[in-house]
PDB file of N, CA and C in Angstrom:
ATOM      1  N   MET A   1     119.250  85.712 120.510  1.00  0.00           N
ATOM      2  CA  MET A   1     120.323  85.010 119.714  1.00  0.00           C
ATOM      3  C   MET A   1     119.413  83.813 118.950  1.00  0.00           C
ATOM      4  N   ILE A   2     118.431  83.013 118.546  1.00  0.00           N
ATOM      5  CA  ILE A   2     117.485  82.363 119.022  1.00  0.00           C
ATOM      6  C   ILE A   2     116.705  83.093 117.335  1.00  0.00           C
ATOM      7  N   TYR A   3     116.767  84.821 117.934  1.00  0.00           N
ATOM      8  CA  TYR A   3     115.804  85.545 116.513  1.00  0.00           C
ATOM      9  C   TYR A   3     116.888  85.711 114.769  1.00  0.00           C
ATOM     10  N   LYS A   4     118.068  85.742 115.212  1.00  0.00           N
ATOM     11  CA  LYS A   4     118.730  85.182 114.208  1.00  0.00           C
ATOM     12  C   LYS A   4     119.629  84.606 113.648  1.00  0.00           C
ATOM     13  N   ILE A   5     119.409  83.467 114.371  1.00  0.00           N
ATOM     14  CA  ILE A   5     119.128  82.437 113.286  1.00  0.00           C
ATOM     15  C   ILE A   5     118.633  81.413 113.184  1.00  0.00           C
ATOM     16  N   LEU A   6     116.731  82.076 113.166  1.00  0.00           N
ATOM     17  CA  LEU A   6     115.400  81.881 112.564  1.00  0.00           C
ATOM     18  C   LEU A   6     115.798  82.574 112.061  1.00  0.00           C
ATOM     19  N   ALA A   7     116.450  83.889 111.401  1.00  0.00           N
ATOM     20  CA  ALA A   7     115.970  85.037 110.299  1.00  0.00           C
ATOM     21  C   ALA A   7     117.390  84.767 109.070  1.00  0.00           C
ATOM     22  N   ASP A   8     118.467  83.844 109.308  1.00  0.00           N
ATOM     23  CA  ASP A   8     119.435  83.488 108.644  1.00  0.00           C
ATOM     24  C   ASP A   8     118.353  81.638 107.906  1.00  0.00           C
ATOM     25  N   ILE A   9     118.292  81.341 109.026  1.00  0.00           N
ATOM     26  CA  ILE A   9     117.037  79.800 108.134  1.00  0.00           C
ATOM     27  C   ILE A   9     116.072  80.130 107.911  1.00  0.00           C
ATOM     28  N   VAL A  10     115.603  81.431 107.869  1.00  0.00           N
ATOM     29  CA  VAL A  10     114.349  81.957 106.497  1.00  0.00           C
ATOM     30  C   VAL A  10     115.307  82.539 105.752  1.00  0.00           C
ATOM     31  N   VAL A  11     115.740  83.104 105.664  1.00  0.00           N
ATOM     32  CA  VAL A  11     116.785  83.929 104.476  1.00  0.00           C
ATOM     33  C   VAL A  11     116.991  82.872 103.572  1.00  0.00           C
ATOM     34  N   ILE A  12     117.448  81.891 103.914  1.00  0.00           N
ATOM     35  CA  ILE A  12     117.899  80.607 102.696  1.00  0.00           C
ATOM     36  C   ILE A  12     117.065  79.794 102.541  1.00  0.00           C
ATOM     37  N   VAL A  13     115.623  79.725 103.624  1.00  0.00           N
ATOM     38  CA  VAL A  13     114.735  79.427 102.653  1.00  0.00           C
ATOM     39  C   VAL A  13     113.877  79.385 101.589  1.00  0.00           C
ATOM     40  N   HIS A  14     114.183  81.076 101.745  1.00  0.00           N
ATOM     41  CA  HIS A  14     113.755  82.358 100.837  1.00  0.00           C
ATOM     42  C   HIS A  14     113.833  82.366  99.598  1.00  0.00           C
ATOM     43  N   PHE A  15     116.065  81.828  99.526  1.00  0.00           N
ATOM     44  CA  PHE A  15     116.294  81.425  98.415  1.00  0.00           C
ATOM     45  C   PHE A  15     116.301  80.437  97.688  1.00  0.00           C
ATOM     46  N   PHE A  16     115.812  78.983  98.377  1.00  0.00           N
ATOM     47  CA  PHE A  16     116.181  77.948  98.330  1.00  0.00           C
ATOM     48  C   PHE A  16     114.204  77.962  96.880  1.00  0.00           C
ATOM     49  N   TRP A  17     112.823  79.219  97.900  1.00  0.00           N
ATOM     50  CA  TRP A  17     111.884  79.059  97.106  1.00  0.00           C
ATOM     51  C   TRP A  17     112.189  79.370  95.616  1.00  0.00           C
ATOM     52  N   ILE A  18     112.664  80.413  95.845  1.00  0.00           N
ATOM     53  CA  ILE A  18     113.357  81.201  94.485  1.00  0.00           C
ATOM     54  C   ILE A  18     113.751  80.145  93.639  1.00  0.00           C
ATOM     55  N   LEU A  19     114.302  79.134  93.682  1.00  0.00           N
ATOM     56  CA  LEU A  19     114.972  79.195  92.993  1.00  0.00           C
ATOM     57  C   LEU A  19     114.185  77.583  92.130  1.00  0.00           C
ATOM     58  N   PHE A  20     112.979  76.696  93.090  1.00  0.00           N
ATOM     59  CA  PHE A  20     112.218  76.200  93.041  1.00  0.00           C
ATOM     60  C   PHE A  20     111.378  77.144  91.788  1.00  0.00           C
ATOM     61  N   LEU A  21     111.113  78.280  92.429  1.00  0.00           N
ATOM     62  CA  LEU A  21     109.853  79.132  91.423  1.00  0.00           C
ATOM     63  C   LEU A  21     111.163  79.142  89.661  1.00  0.00           C
ATOM     64  N   ILE A  22     111.975  79.102  89.696  1.00  0.00           N
ATOM     65  CA  ILE A  22     112.670  79.847  88.665  1.00  0.00           C
ATOM     66  C   ILE A  22     112.823  78.216  88.093  1.00  0.00           C
ATOM     67  N   PHE A  23     113.417  77.414  88.601  1.00  0.00           N
ATOM     68  CA  PHE A  23     113.716  75.913  87.298  1.00  0.00           C
ATOM     69  C   PHE A  23     112.865  75.383  88.167  1.00  0.00           C
ATOM     70  N   GLY A  24     111.565  74.840  88.945  1.00  0.00           N
ATOM     71  CA  GLY A  24     110.635  73.797  89.176  1.00  0.00           C
ATOM     72  C   GLY A  24     110.345  72.804  88.208  1.00  0.00           C
ATOM     73  N   ALA A  25     109.619  74.199  86.721  1.00  0.00           N
ATOM     74  CA  ALA A  25     109.192  73.097  85.880  1.00  0.00           C
ATOM     75  C   ALA A  25     110.443  72.310  85.424  1.00  0.00           C
ATOM     76  N   PHE A  26     111.100  72.250  85.454  1.00  0.00           N
ATOM     77  CA  PHE A  26     111.869  70.442  85.387  1.00  0.00           C
ATOM     78  C   PHE A  26     111.669  70.097  86.375  1.00  0.00           C
ATOM     79  N   TRP A  27     111.185  69.576  87.495  1.00  0.00           N
ATOM     80  CA  TRP A  27     110.856  68.919  88.336  1.00  0.00           C
ATOM     81  C   TRP A  27     109.230  68.658  88.125  1.00  0.00           C
ATOM     82  N   GLY A  28     108.292  69.704  87.842  1.00  0.00           N
ATOM     83  CA  GLY A  28     107.471  69.316  88.117  1.00  0.00           C
ATOM     84  C   GLY A  28     106.629  68.936  86.813  1.00  0.00           C
ATOM     85  N   THR A  29     107.413  68.949  85.495  1.00  0.00           N
ATOM     86  CA  THR A  29     106.897  68.539  84.046  1.00  0.00           C
ATOM     87  C   THR A  29     106.979  67.491  84.157  1.00  0.00           C
ATOM     88  N   ARG A  30     106.677  66.370  85.631  1.00  0.00           N
ATOM     89  CA  ARG A  30     108.025  64.918  86.130  1.00  0.00           C
ATOM     90  C   ARG A  30     106.205  64.668  87.492  1.00  0.00           C
ATOM     91  N   TYR A  31     106.024  65.102  87.777  1.00  0.00           N
ATOM     92  CA  TYR A  31     105.660  65.709  89.338  1.00  0.00           C
ATOM     93  C   TYR A  31     104.859  66.545  89.171  1.00  0.00           C
ATOM     94  N   ARG A  32     102.842  65.169  89.503  1.00  0.00           N
ATOM     95  CA  ARG A  32     102.323  66.297  89.186  1.00  0.00           C
ATOM     96  C   ARG A  32     102.190  67.627  90.518  1.00  0.00           C
ATOM     97  N   ALA A  33     102.085  66.654  91.780  1.00  0.00           N
ATOM     98  CA  ALA A  33     102.219  67.361  93.533  1.00  0.00           C
ATOM     99  C   ALA A  33     102.986  68.694  92.717  1.00  0.00           C
ATOM    100  N   VAL A  34     104.761  68.479  92.474  1.00  0.00           N
ATOM    101  CA  VAL A  34     105.422  69.946  91.994  1.00  0.00           C
ATOM    102  C   VAL A  34     105.133  70.931  91.360  1.00  0.00           C
ATOM    103  N   LYS A  35     104.108  70.080  90.172  1.00  0.00           N
ATOM    104  CA  LYS A  35     103.554  71.212  89.372  1.00  0.00           C
ATOM    105  C   LYS A  35     102.715  72.303  90.326  1.00  0.00           C
ATOM    106  N   ILE A  36     101.915  71.490  90.514  1.00  0.00           N
ATOM    107  CA  ILE A  36     100.705  72.550  90.890  1.00  0.00           C
ATOM    108  C   ILE A  36     101.299  73.685  92.319  1.00  0.00           C
ATOM    109  N   VAL A  37     102.459  72.936  92.979  1.00  0.00           N
ATOM    110  CA  VAL A  37     103.207  73.878  94.097  1.00  0.00           C
ATOM    111  C   VAL A  37     103.528  74.869  93.305  1.00  0.00           C
ATOM    112  N   HIS A  38     104.410  74.902  91.847  1.00  0.00           N
ATOM    113  CA  HIS A  38     105.423  76.059  91.084  1.00  0.00           C
ATOM    114  C   HIS A  38     104.690  76.451  90.932  1.00  0.00           C
ATOM    115  N   ILE A  39     103.462  75.704  90.362  1.00  0.00           N
ATOM    116  CA  ILE A  39     102.136  77.208  89.494  1.00  0.00           C
ATOM    117  C   ILE A  39     101.183  78.050  90.305  1.00  0.00           C
ATOM    118  N   ALA A  40     101.474  77.356  91.323  1.00  0.00           N
ATOM    119  CA  ALA A  40     100.618  78.071  92.056  1.00  0.00           C
ATOM    120  C   ALA A  40     101.776  79.654  93.115  1.00  0.00           C
ATOM    121  N   GLY A  41     102.608  78.848  92.600  1.00  0.00           N
ATOM    122  CA  GLY A  41     104.050  80.340  93.757  1.00  0.00           C
ATOM    123  C   GLY A  41     104.547  81.132  92.732  1.00  0.00           C
ATOM    124  N   LEU A  42     104.205  80.660  92.132  1.00  0.00           N
ATOM    125  CA  LEU A  42     104.237  81.783  89.944  1.00  0.00           C
ATOM    126  C   LEU A  42     103.363  82.640  90.857  1.00  0.00           C
ATOM    127  N   ALA A  43     101.955  82.397  90.900  1.00  0.00           N
ATOM    128  CA  ALA A  43     100.963  82.964  90.347  1.00  0.00           C
ATOM    129  C   ALA A  43     100.978  84.133  91.995  1.00  0.00           C
ATOM    130  N   PHE A  44     101.256  83.601  93.020  1.00  0.00           N
ATOM    131  CA  PHE A  44     101.364  84.058  94.118  1.00  0.00           C
ATOM    132  C   PHE A  44     102.477  85.132  93.909  1.00  0.00           C
ATOM    133  N   ALA A  45     103.339  85.122  92.853  1.00  0.00           N
ATOM    134  CA  ALA A  45     103.828  86.255  93.125  1.00  0.00           C
ATOM    135  C   ALA A  45     103.533  87.163  91.861  1.00  0.00           C
ATOM    136  N   VAL A  46     103.453  86.831  90.646  1.00  0.00           N
ATOM    137  CA  VAL A  46     103.219  87.748  90.692  1.00  0.00           C
ATOM    138  C   VAL A  46     101.620  88.406  90.831  1.00  0.00           C
ATOM    139  N   ILE A  47     100.600  88.345  91.475  1.00  0.00           N
ATOM    140  CA  ILE A  47     100.284  88.997  92.858  1.00  0.00           C
ATOM    141  C   ILE A  47     101.253  90.005  93.543  1.00  0.00           C
ATOM    142  N   LEU A  48     101.976  89.344  94.033  1.00  0.00           N
ATOM    143  CA  LEU A  48     102.642  89.914  94.545  1.00  0.00           C
ATOM    144  C   LEU A  48     103.273  91.525  94.077  1.00  0.00           C
ATOM    145  N   ASN A  49     103.135  91.053  93.294  1.00  0.00           N
ATOM    146  CA  ASN A  49     104.099  91.447  92.193  1.00  0.00           C
ATOM    147  C   ASN A  49     103.066  92.855  91.235  1.00  0.00           C
ATOM    148  N   VAL A  50     102.548  92.682  91.310  1.00  0.00           N
ATOM    149  CA  VAL A  50     101.166  93.062  90.959  1.00  0.00           C
ATOM    150  C   VAL A  50     100.819  94.371  91.989  1.00  0.00           C
ATOM    151  N   PHE A  51     100.563  93.821  93.014  1.00  0.00           N
ATOM    152  CA  PHE A  51     100.796  94.844  93.852  1.00  0.00           C
ATOM    153  C   PHE A  51     101.783  95.272  95.099  1.00  0.00           C
ATOM    154  N   ALA A  52     102.312  94.698  94.501  1.00  0.00           N
ATOM    155  CA  ALA A  52     103.675  95.835  95.180  1.00  0.00           C
ATOM    156  C   ALA A  52     104.004  95.591  96.854  1.00  0.00           C
ATOM    157  N   TRP A  53     103.541  94.233  96.756  1.00  0.00           N
ATOM    158  CA  TRP A  53     103.619  93.483  98.465  1.00  0.00           C
ATOM    159  C   TRP A  53     104.612  92.768  98.247  1.00  0.00           C
ATOM    160  N   TYR A  54     104.761  92.607  99.776  1.00  0.00           N
ATOM    161  CA  TYR A  54     106.505  91.706 100.461  1.00  0.00           C
ATOM    162  C   TYR A  54     105.924  90.496 100.538  1.00  0.00           C
ATOM    163  N   CYS A  55     107.179  89.642  99.865  1.00  0.00           N
ATOM    164  CA  CYS A  55     107.462  88.015 100.183  1.00  0.00           C
ATOM    165  C   CYS A  55     107.277  87.699 101.685  1.00  0.00           C
ATOM    166  N   PRO A  56     105.658  86.531 101.928  1.00  0.00           N
ATOM    167  CA  PRO A  56     105.952  86.696 103.667  1.00  0.00           C
ATOM    168  C   PRO A  56     107.444  86.022 104.119  1.00  0.00           C
ATOM    169  N   PHE A  57     108.690  85.558 103.192  1.00  0.00           N
ATOM    170  CA  PHE A  57     109.521  85.419 103.939  1.00  0.00           C
ATOM    171  C   PHE A  57     110.041  86.451 104.665  1.00  0.00           C
ATOM    172  N   THR A  58     109.981  87.707 103.657  1.00  0.00           N
ATOM    173  CA  THR A  58     110.456  89.344 104.055  1.00  0.00           C
ATOM    174  C   THR A  58     109.841  89.720 105.233  1.00  0.00           C
ATOM    175  N   HIS A  59     107.851  89.222 105.143  1.00  0.00           N
ATOM    176  CA  HIS A  59     107.752  90.193 106.294  1.00  0.00           C
ATOM    177  C   HIS A  59     107.895  89.299 107.664  1.00  0.00           C
ATOM    178  N   LEU A  60     108.876  87.427 107.503  1.00  0.00           N
ATOM    179  CA  LEU A  60     109.233  86.963 108.728  1.00  0.00           C
ATOM    180  C   LEU A  60     110.800  87.462 109.153  1.00  0.00           C
ATOM    181  N   GLU A  61     112.164  87.710 108.224  1.00  0.00           N
ATOM    182  CA  GLU A  61     112.868  87.817 108.272  1.00  0.00           C
ATOM    183  C   GLU A  61     112.761  89.355 109.097  1.00  0.00           C
ATOM    184  N   VAL A  62     112.313  90.036 109.258  1.00  0.00           N
ATOM    185  CA  VAL A  62     112.758  91.639 109.642  1.00  0.00           C
ATOM    186  C   VAL A  62     111.896  91.533 110.655  1.00  0.00           C
ATOM    187  N   TRP A  63     110.904  90.815 110.760  1.00  0.00           N
ATOM    188  CA  TRP A  63     110.300  90.242 112.312  1.00  0.00           C
ATOM    189  C   TRP A  63     111.156  89.788 112.905  1.00  0.00           C
ATOM    190  N   LEU A  64     111.946  88.329 112.838  1.00  0.00           N
ATOM    191  CA  LEU A  64     112.738  88.380 113.655  1.00  0.00           C
ATOM    192  C   LEU A  64     113.802  88.279 113.584  1.00  0.00           C
ATOM    193  N   ARG A  65     114.690  89.868 113.149  1.00  0.00           N
ATOM    194  CA  ARG A  65     115.554  90.850 112.905  1.00  0.00           C
ATOM    195  C   ARG A  65     115.611  91.902 113.874  1.00  0.00           C
ATOM    196  N   GLU A  66     114.118  91.822 114.041  1.00  0.00           N
ATOM    197  CA  GLU A  66     114.080  93.293 114.731  1.00  0.00           C
ATOM    198  C   GLU A  66     113.545  92.868 115.886  1.00  0.00           C
ATOM    199  N   ARG A  67     113.877  91.344 116.045  1.00  0.00           N
ATOM    200  CA  ARG A  67     113.329  91.036 118.018  1.00  0.00           C
ATOM    201  C   ARG A  67     115.216  90.431 118.489  1.00  0.00           C
ATOM    202  N   HIS A  68     115.761  90.633 117.306  1.00  0.00           N
ATOM    203  CA  HIS A  68     117.323  90.697 117.024  1.00  0.00           C
ATOM    204  C   HIS A  68     118.334  91.206 118.327  1.00  0.00           C
ATOM    205  N   ASP A  69     118.796  90.765 119.046  1.00  0.00           N
ATOM    206  CA  ASP A  69     119.748  91.494 119.706  1.00  0.00           C
ATOM    207  C   ASP A  69     121.143  92.603 119.121  1.00  0.00           C
ATOM    208  N   PRO A  70     120.320  93.111 119.356  1.00  0.00           N
ATOM    209  CA  PRO A  70     121.157  94.508 119.246  1.00  0.00           C
ATOM    210  C   PRO A  70     121.680  95.068 119.469  1.00  0.00           C
ATOM    211  N   ALA A  71     122.340  94.005 120.355  1.00  0.00           N
ATOM    212  CA  ALA A  71     123.420  94.457 121.413  1.00  0.00           C
ATOM    213  C   ALA A  71     125.041  92.820 120.715  1.00  0.00           C
ATOM    214  N   LEU A  72     124.677  92.567 120.659  1.00  0.00           N
ATOM    215  CA  LEU A  72     126.108  91.757 119.447  1.00  0.00           C
ATOM    216  C   LEU A  72     126.331  92.396 118.565  1.00  0.00           C
ATOM    217  N   SER A  73     127.916  92.302 119.219  1.00  0.00           N
ATOM    218  CA  SER A  73     128.347  92.896 117.892  1.00  0.00           C
ATOM    219  C   SER A  73     129.228  92.449 116.794  1.00  0.00           C
ATOM    220  N   TYR A  74     128.889  90.931 116.358  1.00  0.00           N
ATOM    221  CA  TYR A  74     129.045  89.937 115.537  1.00  0.00           C
ATOM    222  C   TYR A  74     127.510  89.895 114.674  1.00  0.00           C
ATOM    223  N   THR A  75     127.136  90.307 113.337  1.00  0.00           N
ATOM    224  CA  THR A  75     125.687  90.160 112.840  1.00  0.00           C
ATOM    225  C   THR A  75     125.196  89.636 112.151  1.00  0.00           C
ATOM    226  N   GLY A  76     126.638  89.041 111.805  1.00  0.00           N
ATOM    227  CA  GLY A  76     125.953  88.200 110.664  1.00  0.00           C
ATOM    228  C   GLY A  76     127.146  86.906 110.383  1.00  0.00           C
ATOM    229  N   SER A  77     126.891  86.125 109.530  1.00  0.00           N
ATOM    230  CA  SER A  77     128.111  84.907 108.777  1.00  0.00           C
ATOM    231  C   SER A  77     128.139  85.475 107.054  1.00  0.00           C
ATOM    232  N   PHE A  78     129.459  85.722 106.601  1.00  0.00           N
ATOM    233  CA  PHE A  78     129.054  86.161 105.610  1.00  0.00           C
ATOM    234  C   PHE A  78     128.581  85.679 104.497  1.00  0.00           C
ATOM    235  N   ILE A  79     127.671  84.026 105.082  1.00  0.00           N
ATOM    236  CA  ILE A  79     127.234  83.582 103.966  1.00  0.00           C
ATOM    237  C   ILE A  79     126.002  84.359 103.462  1.00  0.00           C
ATOM    238  N   ILE A  80     125.861  84.422 104.934  1.00  0.00           N
ATOM    239  CA  ILE A  80     124.446  84.995 105.153  1.00  0.00           C
ATOM    240  C   ILE A  80     124.609  86.495 104.900  1.00  0.00           C
ATOM    241  N   HIS A  81     125.063  87.176 104.461  1.00  0.00           N
ATOM    242  CA  HIS A  81     125.339  88.472 103.557  1.00  0.00           C
ATOM    243  C   HIS A  81     125.540  88.300 102.134  1.00  0.00           C
ATOM    244  N   TYR A  82     125.618  87.798 101.859  1.00  0.00           N
ATOM    245  CA  TYR A  82     125.797  87.201 100.154  1.00  0.00           C
ATOM    246  C   TYR A  82     124.655  86.396  99.848  1.00  0.00           C
ATOM    247  N   VAL A  83     124.019  85.517 100.792  1.00  0.00           N
ATOM    248  CA  VAL A  83     122.564  85.726  99.990  1.00  0.00           C
ATOM    249  C   VAL A  83     121.297  86.186  99.704  1.00  0.00           C
ATOM    250  N   GLU A  84     121.578  87.142 101.720  1.00  0.00           N
ATOM    251  CA  GLU A  84     120.692  87.957 101.214  1.00  0.00           C
ATOM    252  C   GLU A  84     121.132  89.346  99.745  1.00  0.00           C
ATOM    253  N   LYS A  85     122.598  89.353  99.829  1.00  0.00           N
ATOM    254  CA  LYS A  85     122.652  90.060  98.316  1.00  0.00           C
ATOM    255  C   LYS A  85     121.413  89.718  97.256  1.00  0.00           C
ATOM    256  N   ILE A  86     121.328  88.075  96.624  1.00  0.00           N
ATOM    257  CA  ILE A  86     121.503  87.185  95.632  1.00  0.00           C
ATOM    258  C   ILE A  86     119.369  87.574  96.291  1.00  0.00           C
ATOM    259  N   VAL A  87     118.466  87.241  97.271  1.00  0.00           N
ATOM    260  CA  VAL A  87     117.379  87.166  97.685  1.00  0.00           C
ATOM    261  C   VAL A  87     116.815  88.485  97.755  1.00  0.00           C
ATOM    262  N   TYR A  88     117.668  89.687  98.471  1.00  0.00           N
ATOM    263  CA  TYR A  88     117.162  90.179  98.222  1.00  0.00           C
ATOM    264  C   TYR A  88     117.351  91.606  97.168  1.00  0.00           C
ATOM    265  N   ILE A  89     117.672  91.278  95.945  1.00  0.00           N
ATOM    266  CA  ILE A  89     118.012  92.388  94.340  1.00  0.00           C
ATOM    267  C   ILE A  89     118.544  93.597  94.545  1.00  0.00           C
ATOM    268  N   GLU A  90     118.349  94.406  94.045  1.00  0.00           N
ATOM    269  CA  GLU A  90     118.645  95.663  94.436  1.00  0.00           C
ATOM    270  C   GLU A  90     117.826  96.251  93.028  1.00  0.00           C
ATOM    271  N   LEU A  91     117.046  95.372  92.289  1.00  0.00           N
ATOM    272  CA  LEU A  91     116.217  95.944  91.363  1.00  0.00           C
ATOM    273  C   LEU A  91     115.431  96.889  91.264  1.00  0.00           C
ATOM    274  N   SER A  92     114.533  97.296  90.056  1.00  0.00           N
ATOM    275  CA  SER A  92     113.271  98.213  89.951  1.00  0.00           C
ATOM    276  C   SER A  92     111.345  97.191  90.153  1.00  0.00           C
ATOM    277  N   GLY A  93     110.456  97.651  90.334  1.00  0.00           N
ATOM    278  CA  GLY A  93     109.821  96.744  90.704  1.00  0.00           C
ATOM    279  C   GLY A  93     109.778  96.675  89.435  1.00  0.00           C
ATOM    280  N   SER A  94     109.557  97.362  88.110  1.00  0.00           N
ATOM    281  CA  SER A  94     109.402  97.713  87.106  1.00  0.00           C
ATOM    282  C   SER A  94     109.893  95.677  86.540  1.00  0.00           C
ATOM    283  N   ILE A  95     111.264  96.106  86.437  1.00  0.00           N
ATOM    284  CA  ILE A  95     112.216  94.633  86.084  1.00  0.00           C
ATOM    285  C   ILE A  95     111.929  93.470  87.174  1.00  0.00           C
ATOM    286  N   ILE A  96     112.305  93.575  88.601  1.00  0.00           N
ATOM    287  CA  ILE A  96     111.546  92.043  88.712  1.00  0.00           C
ATOM    288  C   ILE A  96     109.474  91.750  87.831  1.00  0.00           C
ATOM    289  N   PHE A  97     109.070  92.063  88.349  1.00  0.00           N
ATOM    290  CA  PHE A  97     107.737  92.262  87.463  1.00  0.00           C
ATOM    291  C   PHE A  97     107.938  92.190  86.461  1.00  0.00           C
ATOM    292  N   LEU A  98     108.408  92.367  85.581  1.00  0.00           N
ATOM    293  CA  LEU A  98     108.690  92.201  84.021  1.00  0.00           C
ATOM    294  C   LEU A  98     109.731  90.747  83.889  1.00  0.00           C
ATOM    295  N   PHE A  99     110.566  90.369  84.782  1.00  0.00           N
ATOM    296  CA  PHE A  99     111.291  89.372  84.830  1.00  0.00           C
ATOM    297  C   PHE A  99     110.115  87.955  84.861  1.00  0.00           C
ATOM    298  N   THR A 100     109.581  88.422  86.107  1.00  0.00           N
ATOM    299  CA  THR A 100     108.492  87.444  86.830  1.00  0.00           C
ATOM    300  C   THR A 100     107.366  86.669  85.811  1.00  0.00           C
ATOM    301  N   ILE A 101     106.963  87.842  84.772  1.00  0.00           N
ATOM    302  CA  ILE A 101     106.417  87.287  83.658  1.00  0.00           C
ATOM    303  C   ILE A 101     107.002  86.534  82.457  1.00  0.00           C
ATOM    304  N   PHE A 102     108.120  87.282  82.508  1.00  0.00           N
ATOM    305  CA  PHE A 102     109.582  86.070  81.803  1.00  0.00           C
ATOM    306  C   PHE A 102     108.819  84.633  81.754  1.00  0.00           C
ATOM    307  N   LEU A 103     109.121  84.975  83.362  1.00  0.00           N
ATOM    308  CA  LEU A 103     109.881  83.337  84.086  1.00  0.00           C
ATOM    309  C   LEU A 103     107.738  82.874  83.804  1.00  0.00           C
ATOM    310  N   CYS A 104     107.407  83.514  84.397  1.00  0.00           N
ATOM    311  CA  CYS A 104     105.992  82.686  84.748  1.00  0.00           C
ATOM    312  C   CYS A 104     105.312  82.165  82.386  1.00  0.00           C
ATOM    313  N   GLY A 105     105.726  82.607  81.129  1.00  0.00           N
ATOM    314  CA  GLY A 105     105.884  82.617  80.236  1.00  0.00           C
ATOM    315  C   GLY A 105     107.300  80.926  79.936  1.00  0.00           C
ATOM    316  N   ILE A 106     107.537  81.691  80.391  1.00  0.00           N
ATOM    317  CA  ILE A 106     109.149  80.033  80.316  1.00  0.00           C
ATOM    318  C   ILE A 106     108.251  78.861  80.811  1.00  0.00           C
ATOM    319  N   ASN A 107     107.843  79.236  81.417  1.00  0.00           N
ATOM    320  CA  ASN A 107     107.100  77.536  82.861  1.00  0.00           C
ATOM    321  C   ASN A 107     106.234  77.256  81.845  1.00  0.00           C
ATOM    322  N   ALA A 108     105.291  78.177  81.426  1.00  0.00           N
ATOM    323  CA  ALA A 108     104.326  77.872  80.855  1.00  0.00           C
ATOM    324  C   ALA A 108     104.886  76.650  79.302  1.00  0.00           C
ATOM    325  N   TRP A 109     105.610  77.987  78.442  1.00  0.00           N
ATOM    326  CA  TRP A 109     106.622  77.467  77.578  1.00  0.00           C
ATOM    327  C   TRP A 109     106.652  75.615  77.885  1.00  0.00           C
ATOM    328  N   LEU A 110     107.132  75.286  79.267  1.00  0.00           N
ATOM    329  CA  LEU A 110     107.507  73.842  79.665  1.00  0.00           C
ATOM    330  C   LEU A 110     106.903  73.229  79.728  1.00  0.00           C
ATOM    331  N   TYR A 111     105.933  73.158  80.435  1.00  0.00           N
ATOM    332  CA  TYR A 111     105.074  72.818  81.368  1.00  0.00           C
ATOM    333  C   TYR A 111     103.389  72.312  80.045  1.00  0.00           C
ATOM    334  N   LEU A 112     103.295  73.356  78.944  1.00  0.00           N
ATOM    335  CA  LEU A 112     102.483  72.659  77.758  1.00  0.00           C
ATOM    336  C   LEU A 112     102.748  72.554  76.713  1.00  0.00           C
ATOM    337  N   GLY A 113     104.655  72.391  76.397  1.00  0.00           N
ATOM    338  CA  GLY A 113     104.671  71.703  75.533  1.00  0.00           C
ATOM    339  C   GLY A 113     105.161  70.406  75.536  1.00  0.00           C
ATOM    340  N   LYS A 114     105.938  70.311  76.959  1.00  0.00           N
ATOM    341  CA  LYS A 114     105.603  68.973  77.747  1.00  0.00           C
ATOM    342  C   LYS A 114     104.622  67.816  77.124  1.00  0.00           C
ATOM    343  N   LYS A 115     103.257  68.778  77.098  1.00  0.00           N
ATOM    344  CA  LYS A 115     101.972  67.649  76.751  1.00  0.00           C
ATOM    345  C   LYS A 115     101.909  67.345  75.842  1.00  0.00           C
ATOM    346  N   ARG A 116     102.232  68.379  74.175  1.00  0.00           N
ATOM    347  CA  ARG A 116     102.500  67.943  73.046  1.00  0.00           C
ATOM    348  C   ARG A 116     103.286  66.858  72.800  1.00  0.00           C
ATOM    349  N   GLY A 117     104.510  66.560  73.252  1.00  0.00           N
ATOM    350  CA  GLY A 117     105.361  65.355  73.238  1.00  0.00           C
ATOM    351  C   GLY A 117     104.885  64.526  73.218  1.00  0.00           C
TER     352      GLY A 117
END
């Protein structure tokens, strides 16, 4: 049971990490440390996409789910089910890569535009 709970926590953290990568520039323009983590996270996302690697959060979640007791009849909460649908969205690798590059461009524009003003 502990593995299932930990796997669910990993999915939630993964979801919040994705939100941070999407919206982090708004916070990063005010705080240097956030900016550094945000840019590093975006760079890491690009690397993952270029080499078609899975995120470490995904590997951790799969590992925890494999250790979960399959004999339990209830496999998870509906909240986790829907969060997983968002985190593990079914898009082609090319579309995800293009979205990642677009996201990096928007964030670069936000960071560089803030310095000019």
